[in-house]
């Protein structure tokens, strides 16, 4: 039995420059449905966001999108998802996604993906939630950021405990397993 019912996936609104990124989004969507995990995501139809949402839907899973009105207005909303929550702004989007999800997974993406991941991490640090988060390090995409985080830790800006919270996986199955274990630990009051 999985401890994850809904997984928030942060990822690019572009497909990226290499096919491996789109395949990782598809593989993640398939793995989620195989494990009975619903997708919570940014509600868009473009890029990796659209790919993972379409994959989950095609596999018979449920998809919960959360999108700001401004993006609905420019017609990038994915209107075929199970449920689309329209919110006033990006802050409300992140808060709603946090409320809906049991854990967070970052696939390749840009500034929006980083913003969402770091806000989930900082909210955890502040005690707003105890939900785990993980990087899916597709073909070394996150290596530079992992080095930066390690450098920040080595220089005393992150504790070792806080650094260990950022889980890193090389496959979608490993990511789901790590998040599931961490979610179980969090529900038992343990630190993952």
C-alpha atoms as a PDB file:
ATOM      1  CA  UNK A   1       0.000   0.000   0.000  1.00  0.00           C
ATOM      2  CA  UNK A   2       1.408   3.358  -0.973  1.00  0.00           C
ATOM      3  CA  UNK A   3       1.544   6.338   1.359  1.00  0.00           C
ATOM      4  CA  UNK A   4       1.147   8.566  -1.673  1.00  0.00           C
ATOM      5  CA  UNK A   5      -2.321   9.193  -3.036  1.00  0.00           C
ATOM      6  CA  UNK A   6      -1.500  12.391  -4.929  1.00  0.00           C
ATOM      7  CA  UNK A   7       1.895  13.510  -6.178  1.00  0.00           C
ATOM      8  CA  UNK A   8       2.600  17.093  -7.226  1.00  0.00           C
ATOM      9  CA  UNK A   9       4.927  17.114 -10.198  1.00  0.00           C
ATOM     10  CA  UNK A  10       6.778  20.293 -11.057  1.00  0.00           C
ATOM     11  CA  UNK A  11       8.182  20.416 -14.584  1.00  0.00           C
ATOM     12  CA  UNK A  12       8.716  22.580 -17.625  1.00  0.00           C
ATOM     13  CA  UNK A  13       6.022  24.221 -19.706  1.00  0.00           C
ATOM     14  CA  UNK A  14       8.420  23.504 -22.593  1.00  0.00           C
ATOM     15  CA  UNK A  15       9.460  20.004 -23.682  1.00  0.00           C
ATOM     16  CA  UNK A  16      13.171  20.752 -23.405  1.00  0.00           C
ATOM     17  CA  UNK A  17      15.778  20.288 -26.078  1.00  0.00           C
ATOM     18  CA  UNK A  18      16.282  16.531 -25.735  1.00  0.00           C
ATOM     19  CA  UNK A  19      13.751  13.705 -26.204  1.00  0.00           C
ATOM     20  CA  UNK A  20      14.884  12.092 -22.917  1.00  0.00           C
ATOM     21  CA  UNK A  21      12.966  14.762 -20.972  1.00  0.00           C
ATOM     22  CA  UNK A  22       9.632  13.995 -22.631  1.00  0.00           C
ATOM     23  CA  UNK A  23      10.214  10.281 -22.181  1.00  0.00           C
ATOM     24  CA  UNK A  24      10.890  10.812 -18.471  1.00  0.00           C
ATOM     25  CA  UNK A  25       7.585  12.674 -18.160  1.00  0.00           C
ATOM     26  CA  UNK A  26       5.757   9.821 -19.907  1.00  0.00           C
ATOM     27  CA  UNK A  27       7.511   7.170 -17.805  1.00  0.00           C
ATOM     28  CA  UNK A  28       6.695   9.065 -14.613  1.00  0.00           C
ATOM     29  CA  UNK A  29       3.034   9.319 -15.594  1.00  0.00           C
ATOM     30  CA  UNK A  30       2.866   5.593 -16.350  1.00  0.00           C
ATOM     31  CA  UNK A  31       4.599   4.682 -13.076  1.00  0.00           C
ATOM     32  CA  UNK A  32       2.204   6.866 -11.106  1.00  0.00           C
ATOM     33  CA  UNK A  33      -0.870   5.207 -12.608  1.00  0.00           C
ATOM     34  CA  UNK A  34       0.639   1.741 -12.055  1.00  0.00           C
ATOM     35  CA  UNK A  35       0.983   2.614  -8.355  1.00  0.00           C
ATOM     36  CA  UNK A  36      -2.469   4.239  -8.097  1.00  0.00           C
ATOM     37  CA  UNK A  37      -1.085   7.743  -7.554  1.00  0.00           C
ATOM     38  CA  UNK A  38      -2.990  10.772  -8.872  1.00  0.00           C
ATOM     39  CA  UNK A  39      -1.195  13.687 -10.530  1.00  0.00           C
ATOM     40  CA  UNK A  40      -1.330  17.216  -9.153  1.00  0.00           C
ATOM     41  CA  UNK A  41       0.353  19.693 -11.475  1.00  0.00           C
ATOM     42  CA  UNK A  42       0.275  23.233 -12.835  1.00  0.00           C
ATOM     43  CA  UNK A  43      -2.727  22.725 -15.112  1.00  0.00           C
ATOM     44  CA  UNK A  44      -1.055  23.514 -18.432  1.00  0.00           C
ATOM     45  CA  UNK A  45      -1.333  21.682 -21.730  1.00  0.00           C
ATOM     46  CA  UNK A  46       2.154  22.580 -23.031  1.00  0.00           C
ATOM     47  CA  UNK A  47       5.598  21.060 -22.620  1.00  0.00           C
ATOM     48  CA  UNK A  48       6.433  18.412 -20.043  1.00  0.00           C
ATOM     49  CA  UNK A  49       3.385  19.532 -18.063  1.00  0.00           C
ATOM     50  CA  UNK A  50       1.060  18.565 -20.900  1.00  0.00           C
ATOM     51  CA  UNK A  51       2.968  15.367 -21.617  1.00  0.00           C
ATOM     52  CA  UNK A  52       2.713  14.011 -18.076  1.00  0.00           C
ATOM     53  CA  UNK A  53      -0.944  15.024 -17.763  1.00  0.00           C
ATOM     54  CA  UNK A  54      -1.829  13.399 -21.086  1.00  0.00           C
ATOM     55  CA  UNK A  55       0.051  10.235 -20.137  1.00  0.00           C
ATOM     56  CA  UNK A  56      -1.723   9.888 -16.788  1.00  0.00           C
ATOM     57  CA  UNK A  57      -5.097  10.447 -18.461  1.00  0.00           C
ATOM     58  CA  UNK A  58      -4.331   7.988 -21.294  1.00  0.00           C
ATOM     59  CA  UNK A  59      -3.378   5.357 -18.693  1.00  0.00           C
ATOM     60  CA  UNK A  60      -6.685   5.840 -16.847  1.00  0.00           C
ATOM     61  CA  UNK A  61      -5.369   7.941 -13.956  1.00  0.00           C
ATOM     62  CA  UNK A  62      -6.702  11.125 -12.392  1.00  0.00           C
ATOM     63  CA  UNK A  63      -5.188  14.548 -12.977  1.00  0.00           C
ATOM     64  CA  UNK A  64      -5.740  17.642 -10.845  1.00  0.00           C
ATOM     65  CA  UNK A  65      -4.517  20.851 -12.419  1.00  0.00           C
ATOM     66  CA  UNK A  66      -4.041  24.156 -10.641  1.00  0.00           C
ATOM     67  CA  UNK A  67      -3.636  27.159 -12.905  1.00  0.00           C
ATOM     68  CA  UNK A  68      -3.708  30.935 -12.474  1.00  0.00           C
ATOM     69  CA  UNK A  69      -6.470  32.828 -14.274  1.00  0.00           C
ATOM     70  CA  UNK A  70      -3.883  34.719 -16.342  1.00  0.00           C
ATOM     71  CA  UNK A  71      -2.777  31.445 -17.963  1.00  0.00           C
ATOM     72  CA  UNK A  72      -6.371  30.387 -18.558  1.00  0.00           C
ATOM     73  CA  UNK A  73      -6.896  33.716 -20.308  1.00  0.00           C
ATOM     74  CA  UNK A  74      -4.092  33.016 -22.800  1.00  0.00           C
ATOM     75  CA  UNK A  75      -5.491  29.530 -23.446  1.00  0.00           C
ATOM     76  CA  UNK A  76      -2.726  27.317 -22.081  1.00  0.00           C
ATOM     77  CA  UNK A  77      -4.987  25.488 -19.599  1.00  0.00           C
ATOM     78  CA  UNK A  78      -5.462  21.746 -20.075  1.00  0.00           C
ATOM     79  CA  UNK A  79      -9.260  21.516 -20.137  1.00  0.00           C
ATOM     80  CA  UNK A  80      -9.433  17.698 -20.338  1.00  0.00           C
ATOM     81  CA  UNK A  81      -8.043  17.008 -16.855  1.00  0.00           C
ATOM     82  CA  UNK A  82     -10.088  15.337 -14.123  1.00  0.00           C
ATOM     83  CA  UNK A  83     -10.418  18.611 -12.228  1.00  0.00           C
ATOM     84  CA  UNK A  84      -9.000  22.026 -13.047  1.00  0.00           C
ATOM     85  CA  UNK A  85      -8.692  24.527 -10.207  1.00  0.00           C
ATOM     86  CA  UNK A  86      -8.427  28.120 -11.413  1.00  0.00           C
ATOM     87  CA  UNK A  87      -6.750  30.426  -8.901  1.00  0.00           C
ATOM     88  CA  UNK A  88      -6.010  34.167  -8.901  1.00  0.00           C
ATOM     89  CA  UNK A  89      -2.183  34.027  -8.905  1.00  0.00           C
ATOM     90  CA  UNK A  90       0.969  31.928  -8.643  1.00  0.00           C
ATOM     91  CA  UNK A  91       1.087  32.102  -4.839  1.00  0.00           C
ATOM     92  CA  UNK A  92      -2.415  30.612  -4.650  1.00  0.00           C
ATOM     93  CA  UNK A  93      -1.401  27.989  -7.209  1.00  0.00           C
ATOM     94  CA  UNK A  94       1.494  26.766  -5.080  1.00  0.00           C
ATOM     95  CA  UNK A  95      -0.601  26.809  -1.908  1.00  0.00           C
ATOM     96  CA  UNK A  96      -3.395  24.791  -3.563  1.00  0.00           C
ATOM     97  CA  UNK A  97      -0.936  22.273  -5.026  1.00  0.00           C
ATOM     98  CA  UNK A  98       0.602  21.860  -1.571  1.00  0.00           C
ATOM     99  CA  UNK A  99      -2.833  21.266  -0.065  1.00  0.00           C
ATOM    100  CA  UNK A 100      -3.745  18.671  -2.707  1.00  0.00           C
ATOM    101  CA  UNK A 101      -0.483  16.684  -2.741  1.00  0.00           C
ATOM    102  CA  UNK A 102       1.198  14.205  -0.406  1.00  0.00           C
ATOM    103  CA  UNK A 103       4.679  14.803  -1.881  1.00  0.00           C
ATOM    104  CA  UNK A 104       6.507  16.762  -4.586  1.00  0.00           C
ATOM    105  CA  UNK A 105       8.636  15.651  -7.531  1.00  0.00           C
ATOM    106  CA  UNK A 106      10.652  17.961  -9.776  1.00  0.00           C
ATOM    107  CA  UNK A 107      11.320  16.856 -13.334  1.00  0.00           C
ATOM    108  CA  UNK A 108      13.431  19.036 -15.633  1.00  0.00           C
ATOM    109  CA  UNK A 109      12.175  22.574 -15.941  1.00  0.00           C
ATOM    110  CA  UNK A 110      13.111  26.209 -15.629  1.00  0.00           C
ATOM    111  CA  UNK A 111      12.521  29.057 -13.261  1.00  0.00           C
ATOM    112  CA  UNK A 112       8.916  28.099 -12.469  1.00  0.00           C
ATOM    113  CA  UNK A 113       9.963  24.564 -11.552  1.00  0.00           C
ATOM    114  CA  UNK A 114      12.723  25.922  -9.321  1.00  0.00           C
ATOM    115  CA  UNK A 115      10.330  28.388  -7.695  1.00  0.00           C
ATOM    116  CA  UNK A 116       7.825  25.650  -6.906  1.00  0.00           C
ATOM    117  CA  UNK A 117      10.440  23.215  -5.594  1.00  0.00           C
ATOM    118  CA  UNK A 118      12.180  25.755  -3.379  1.00  0.00           C
ATOM    119  CA  UNK A 119       8.908  27.054  -1.992  1.00  0.00           C
ATOM    120  CA  UNK A 120       7.836  23.505  -1.080  1.00  0.00           C
ATOM    121  CA  UNK A 121      11.229  23.004   0.585  1.00  0.00           C
ATOM    122  CA  UNK A 122      11.157  26.316   2.465  1.00  0.00           C
ATOM    123  CA  UNK A 123       7.566  25.738   3.618  1.00  0.00           C
ATOM    124  CA  UNK A 124       8.721  22.384   4.954  1.00  0.00           C
ATOM    125  CA  UNK A 125      11.625  24.065   6.754  1.00  0.00           C
ATOM    126  CA  UNK A 126       9.205  26.539   8.330  1.00  0.00           C
ATOM    127  CA  UNK A 127       6.919  23.734   9.505  1.00  0.00           C
ATOM    128  CA  UNK A 128       3.975  24.532   7.215  1.00  0.00           C
ATOM    129  CA  UNK A 129       3.967  20.913   6.017  1.00  0.00           C
ATOM    130  CA  UNK A 130       5.951  17.685   6.444  1.00  0.00           C
ATOM    131  CA  UNK A 131       5.646  16.486   2.862  1.00  0.00           C
ATOM    132  CA  UNK A 132       8.750  15.123   1.098  1.00  0.00           C
ATOM    133  CA  UNK A 133      10.241  16.337  -2.171  1.00  0.00           C
ATOM    134  CA  UNK A 134      12.549  14.805  -4.734  1.00  0.00           C
ATOM    135  CA  UNK A 135      14.478  15.647  -7.879  1.00  0.00           C
ATOM    136  CA  UNK A 136      14.185  13.251 -10.796  1.00  0.00           C
ATOM    137  CA  UNK A 137      17.699  13.696 -12.156  1.00  0.00           C
ATOM    138  CA  UNK A 138      17.009  12.868 -15.789  1.00  0.00           C
ATOM    139  CA  UNK A 139      20.291  12.316 -17.621  1.00  0.00           C
ATOM    140  CA  UNK A 140      22.160  14.515 -15.125  1.00  0.00           C
ATOM    141  CA  UNK A 141      19.847  17.519 -15.616  1.00  0.00           C
ATOM    142  CA  UNK A 142      19.971  18.505 -11.926  1.00  0.00           C
ATOM    143  CA  UNK A 143      23.708  17.834 -11.382  1.00  0.00           C
ATOM    144  CA  UNK A 144      24.653  21.522 -11.337  1.00  0.00           C
ATOM    145  CA  UNK A 145      21.934  22.382  -8.848  1.00  0.00           C
ATOM    146  CA  UNK A 146      22.855  19.433  -6.631  1.00  0.00           C
ATOM    147  CA  UNK A 147      26.452  20.719  -6.641  1.00  0.00           C
ATOM    148  CA  UNK A 148      25.189  24.178  -5.664  1.00  0.00           C
ATOM    149  CA  UNK A 149      23.092  22.749  -2.808  1.00  0.00           C
ATOM    150  CA  UNK A 150      26.088  20.736  -1.600  1.00  0.00           C
ATOM    151  CA  UNK A 151      28.240  23.887  -1.775  1.00  0.00           C
ATOM    152  CA  UNK A 152      25.651  25.823   0.250  1.00  0.00           C
ATOM    153  CA  UNK A 153      25.696  23.007   2.814  1.00  0.00           C
ATOM    154  CA  UNK A 154      29.506  22.891   2.917  1.00  0.00           C
ATOM    155  CA  UNK A 155      29.559  26.654   3.488  1.00  0.00           C
ATOM    156  CA  UNK A 156      27.125  26.513   6.404  1.00  0.00           C
ATOM    157  CA  UNK A 157      23.961  27.851   4.754  1.00  0.00           C
ATOM    158  CA  UNK A 158      22.101  24.532   4.939  1.00  0.00           C
ATOM    159  CA  UNK A 159      22.294  22.021   7.751  1.00  0.00           C
ATOM    160  CA  UNK A 160      23.142  18.418   6.921  1.00  0.00           C
ATOM    161  CA  UNK A 161      19.613  17.461   8.018  1.00  0.00           C
ATOM    162  CA  UNK A 162      18.040  20.005   5.676  1.00  0.00           C
ATOM    163  CA  UNK A 163      20.306  18.883   2.812  1.00  0.00           C
ATOM    164  CA  UNK A 164      19.289  15.249   3.314  1.00  0.00           C
ATOM    165  CA  UNK A 165      15.660  16.247   2.839  1.00  0.00           C
ATOM    166  CA  UNK A 166      16.257  16.928  -0.845  1.00  0.00           C
ATOM    167  CA  UNK A 167      15.860  13.439  -2.227  1.00  0.00           C
ATOM    168  CA  UNK A 168      17.447  12.652  -5.589  1.00  0.00           C
ATOM    169  CA  UNK A 169      16.441   9.784  -7.871  1.00  0.00           C
ATOM    170  CA  UNK A 170      17.691   8.600 -11.237  1.00  0.00           C
ATOM    171  CA  UNK A 171      14.462   6.854 -12.268  1.00  0.00           C
ATOM    172  CA  UNK A 172      10.747   7.435 -11.829  1.00  0.00           C
ATOM    173  CA  UNK A 173      10.368   4.201  -9.838  1.00  0.00           C
ATOM    174  CA  UNK A 174      13.193   5.164  -7.487  1.00  0.00           C
ATOM    175  CA  UNK A 175      11.645   8.617  -7.024  1.00  0.00           C
ATOM    176  CA  UNK A 176       8.240   7.195  -6.114  1.00  0.00           C
ATOM    177  CA  UNK A 177       9.834   4.685  -3.724  1.00  0.00           C
ATOM    178  CA  UNK A 178      11.906   7.386  -1.990  1.00  0.00           C
ATOM    179  CA  UNK A 179       8.906   9.707  -1.669  1.00  0.00           C
ATOM    180  CA  UNK A 180       6.692   6.890  -0.412  1.00  0.00           C
ATOM    181  CA  UNK A 181       9.219   5.947   2.289  1.00  0.00           C
ATOM    182  CA  UNK A 182       9.675   9.580   3.309  1.00  0.00           C
ATOM    183  CA  UNK A 183       5.911  10.155   3.444  1.00  0.00           C
ATOM    184  CA  UNK A 184       5.553   7.114   5.701  1.00  0.00           C
ATOM    185  CA  UNK A 185       8.299   8.423   7.979  1.00  0.00           C
ATOM    186  CA  UNK A 186       6.701  11.874   8.113  1.00  0.00           C
ATOM    187  CA  UNK A 187       3.295  10.466   9.103  1.00  0.00           C
ATOM    188  CA  UNK A 188       5.001   8.632  11.972  1.00  0.00           C
ATOM    189  CA  UNK A 189       6.678  11.857  13.138  1.00  0.00           C
ATOM    190  CA  UNK A 190      10.124  10.735  11.959  1.00  0.00           C
ATOM    191  CA  UNK A 191      12.522  12.807   9.870  1.00  0.00           C
ATOM    192  CA  UNK A 192      13.247  11.280   6.510  1.00  0.00           C
END
